C-alpha atoms as a PDB file:
ATOM      1  CA  MET A   1      96.402 104.665  84.062  1.00  0.00           C
ATOM      2  CA  SER A   2      92.687 103.835  84.194  1.00  0.00           C
ATOM      3  CA  MET A   3      93.403 100.379  82.711  1.00  0.00           C
ATOM      4  CA  GLU A   4      95.838  99.768  85.583  1.00  0.00           C
ATOM      5  CA  ARG A   5      93.224 100.797  88.156  1.00  0.00           C
ATOM      6  CA  THR A   6      90.567  98.628  86.504  1.00  0.00           C
ATOM      7  CA  LEU A   7      92.887  95.616  86.499  1.00  0.00           C
ATOM      8  CA  ILE A   8      93.803  96.113  90.167  1.00  0.00           C
ATOM      9  CA  ARG A   9      90.138  96.527  91.116  1.00  0.00           C
ATOM     10  CA  GLN A  10      89.177  93.320  89.287  1.00  0.00           C
ATOM     11  CA  LEU A  11      92.006  91.286  90.795  1.00  0.00           C
ATOM     12  CA  LEU A  12      91.163  92.467  94.295  1.00  0.00           C
ATOM     13  CA  HIS A  13      87.668  90.946  94.118  1.00  0.00           C
ATOM     14  CA  ASP A  14      89.296  87.739  95.408  1.00  0.00           C
ATOM     15  CA  ASP A  15      88.993  88.031  99.203  1.00  0.00           C
ATOM     16  CA  GLU A  16      92.189  86.128 100.023  1.00  0.00           C
ATOM     17  CA  LEU A  17      94.242  88.128  97.517  1.00  0.00           C
ATOM     18  CA  HIS A  18      92.673  91.357  98.756  1.00  0.00           C
ATOM     19  CA  ASP A  19      93.647  90.550 102.368  1.00  0.00           C
ATOM     20  CA  ARG A  20      97.237  89.709 101.370  1.00  0.00           C
ATOM     21  CA  VAL A  21      97.585  92.934  99.382  1.00  0.00           C
ATOM     22  CA  LEU A  22      96.222  95.015 102.267  1.00  0.00           C
ATOM     23  CA  ARG A  23      98.686  93.386 104.698  1.00  0.00           C
ATOM     24  CA  LEU A  24     101.582  94.026 102.305  1.00  0.00           C
ATOM     25  CA  MET A  25     100.531  97.654 101.938  1.00  0.00           C
ATOM     26  CA  THR A  26     101.055  98.176 105.686  1.00  0.00           C
ATOM     27  CA  ILE A  27     104.786  98.150 104.843  1.00  0.00           C
ATOM     28  CA  PRO A  28     105.946 101.750 104.321  1.00  0.00           C
ATOM     29  CA  ALA A  29     106.302 102.699 100.628  1.00  0.00           C
ATOM     30  CA  VAL A  30     104.525  99.535  99.369  1.00  0.00           C
ATOM     31  CA  GLY A  31     101.617 100.552  97.186  1.00  0.00           C
ATOM     32  CA  PRO A  32      98.935  98.511  95.447  1.00  0.00           C
ATOM     33  CA  VAL A  33     100.969  97.654  92.337  1.00  0.00           C
ATOM     34  CA  THR A  34     104.009  96.411  94.276  1.00  0.00           C
ATOM     35  CA  ALA A  35     101.852  94.508  96.774  1.00  0.00           C
ATOM     36  CA  LEU A  36      99.699  92.947  94.059  1.00  0.00           C
ATOM     37  CA  THR A  37     102.751  91.964  92.014  1.00  0.00           C
ATOM     38  CA  TRP A  38     104.351  90.339  95.066  1.00  0.00           C
ATOM     39  CA  ALA A  39     101.166  88.460  95.966  1.00  0.00           C
ATOM     40  CA  LEU A  40     100.564  87.194  92.424  1.00  0.00           C
ATOM     41  CA  GLU A  41     104.161  86.297  91.574  1.00  0.00           C
ATOM     42  CA  ILE A  42     105.017  84.639  94.902  1.00  0.00           C
ATOM     43  CA  GLY A  43     101.708  82.814  95.191  1.00  0.00           C
ATOM     44  CA  ASP A  44     101.479  80.501  98.189  1.00  0.00           C
ATOM     45  CA  VAL A  45     104.392  81.482 100.435  1.00  0.00           C
ATOM     46  CA  SER A  46     104.382  78.061 102.100  1.00  0.00           C
ATOM     47  CA  ARG A  47     105.989  76.589  98.962  1.00  0.00           C
ATOM     48  CA  PHE A  48     109.239  78.204 100.123  1.00  0.00           C
ATOM     49  CA  ARG A  49     110.935  76.522 103.069  1.00  0.00           C
ATOM     50  CA  THR A  50     113.216  79.429 103.969  1.00  0.00           C
ATOM     51  CA  VAL A  51     113.462  83.189 103.561  1.00  0.00           C
ATOM     52  CA  LYS A  52     116.633  82.621 101.513  1.00  0.00           C
ATOM     53  CA  GLN A  53     114.579  80.717  98.934  1.00  0.00           C
ATOM     54  CA  VAL A  54     112.148  83.632  98.601  1.00  0.00           C
ATOM     55  CA  ILE A  55     115.029  86.101  98.236  1.00  0.00           C
ATOM     56  CA  SER A  56     116.622  83.915  95.579  1.00  0.00           C
ATOM     57  CA  TYR A  57     113.313  83.486  93.710  1.00  0.00           C
ATOM     58  CA  ALA A  58     112.840  87.261  93.700  1.00  0.00           C
ATOM     59  CA  GLY A  59     116.370  87.703  92.318  1.00  0.00           C
ATOM     60  CA  LEU A  60     117.560  89.830  95.204  1.00  0.00           C
ATOM     61  CA  SER A  61     120.464  87.643  96.298  1.00  0.00           C
ATOM     62  CA  ALA A  62     124.035  88.147  95.244  1.00  0.00           C
ATOM     63  CA  ASP A  63     126.925  85.769  95.649  1.00  0.00           C
ATOM     64  CA  GLU A  64     129.868  86.782  97.746  1.00  0.00           C
ATOM     65  CA  CYS A  65     133.397  85.778  96.902  1.00  0.00           C
ATOM     66  CA  SER A  66     136.146  86.105  99.457  1.00  0.00           C
ATOM     67  CA  SER A  67     139.849  85.681  99.259  1.00  0.00           C
ATOM     68  CA  GLY A  68     141.914  86.239 102.352  1.00  0.00           C
ATOM     69  CA  GLU A  69     140.635  89.412 103.958  1.00  0.00           C
ATOM     70  CA  ARG A  70     138.911  90.721 100.814  1.00  0.00           C
ATOM     71  CA  GLN A  71     135.259  90.208 100.082  1.00  0.00           C
ATOM     72  CA  TYR A  72     133.611  90.839  96.730  1.00  0.00           C
ATOM     73  CA  ARG A  73     129.893  91.140  96.018  1.00  0.00           C
ATOM     74  CA  MET A  74     128.801  89.667  92.739  1.00  0.00           C
ATOM     75  CA  PRO A  75     125.859  91.030  90.671  1.00  0.00           C
ATOM     76  CA  LEU A  76     122.287  90.066  91.565  1.00  0.00           C
ATOM     77  CA  SER A  77     121.189  86.646  90.391  1.00  0.00           C
ATOM     78  CA  LYS A  78     119.906  86.327  86.823  1.00  0.00           C
ATOM     79  CA  ASN A  79     118.169  83.028  87.584  1.00  0.00           C
ATOM     80  CA  CYS A  80     114.964  84.422  89.100  1.00  0.00           C
ATOM     81  CA  ASN A  81     111.465  85.743  88.499  1.00  0.00           C
ATOM     82  CA  LYS A  82     112.456  88.699  86.311  1.00  0.00           C
ATOM     83  CA  HIS A  83     109.108  90.498  86.530  1.00  0.00           C
ATOM     84  CA  LEU A  84     109.082  90.429  90.328  1.00  0.00           C
ATOM     85  CA  LYS A  85     112.731  91.495  90.485  1.00  0.00           C
ATOM     86  CA  THR A  86     112.081  94.466  88.183  1.00  0.00           C
ATOM     87  CA  VAL A  87     109.073  95.651  90.211  1.00  0.00           C
ATOM     88  CA  LEU A  88     110.928  95.360  93.530  1.00  0.00           C
ATOM     89  CA  ILE A  89     114.018  97.179  92.248  1.00  0.00           C
ATOM     90  CA  GLU A  90     111.882  99.963  90.767  1.00  0.00           C
ATOM     91  CA  ALA A  91     109.939 100.259  94.040  1.00  0.00           C
ATOM     92  CA  ALA A  92     113.225 100.553  95.938  1.00  0.00           C
ATOM     93  CA  ARG A  93     114.400 103.290  93.560  1.00  0.00           C
ATOM     94  CA  MET A  94     111.175 105.251  94.000  1.00  0.00           C
ATOM     95  CA  ALA A  95     110.858 104.817  97.795  1.00  0.00           C
ATOM     96  CA  PRO A  96     113.053 107.809  98.736  1.00  0.00           C
ATOM     97  CA  TYR A  97     110.883 110.124  96.615  1.00  0.00           C
ATOM     98  CA  TRP A  98     107.671 108.952  98.280  1.00  0.00           C
ATOM     99  CA  ASN A  99     109.023 108.803 101.827  1.00  0.00           C
ATOM    100  CA  SER A 100     108.807 112.296 103.276  1.00  0.00           C
ATOM    101  CA  GLY A 101     111.302 111.448 106.050  1.00  0.00           C
ATOM    102  CA  ALA A 102     114.040 110.265 103.681  1.00  0.00           C
ATOM    103  CA  GLU A 103     117.021 112.461 102.947  1.00  0.00           C
ATOM    104  CA  ARG A 104     117.793 113.006  99.277  1.00  0.00           C
ATOM    105  CA  ASP A 105     121.162 113.486  97.626  1.00  0.00           C
END
């Protein structure tokens, strides 16, 4: 755990990265590890022309197949940044436990 804190502290010495991480952490349930991972893995956001491209890069998009009146959701994309996808999925799984207003099953 102390190695993680040391790494985060060292990475946040970059002023631009530090500002991005702080802005990301204003999102409820986004902590320093998730924010730092997003900032480092995404890099310069302007390289993406649309939000759909960011979603696809993060591996959070799923295809949809439809036939007649039926619609099927396919699994999440495997062609993505696997590290970012793993961190975001894990953050989503943990969010209900850290959000005091969330109802639990």
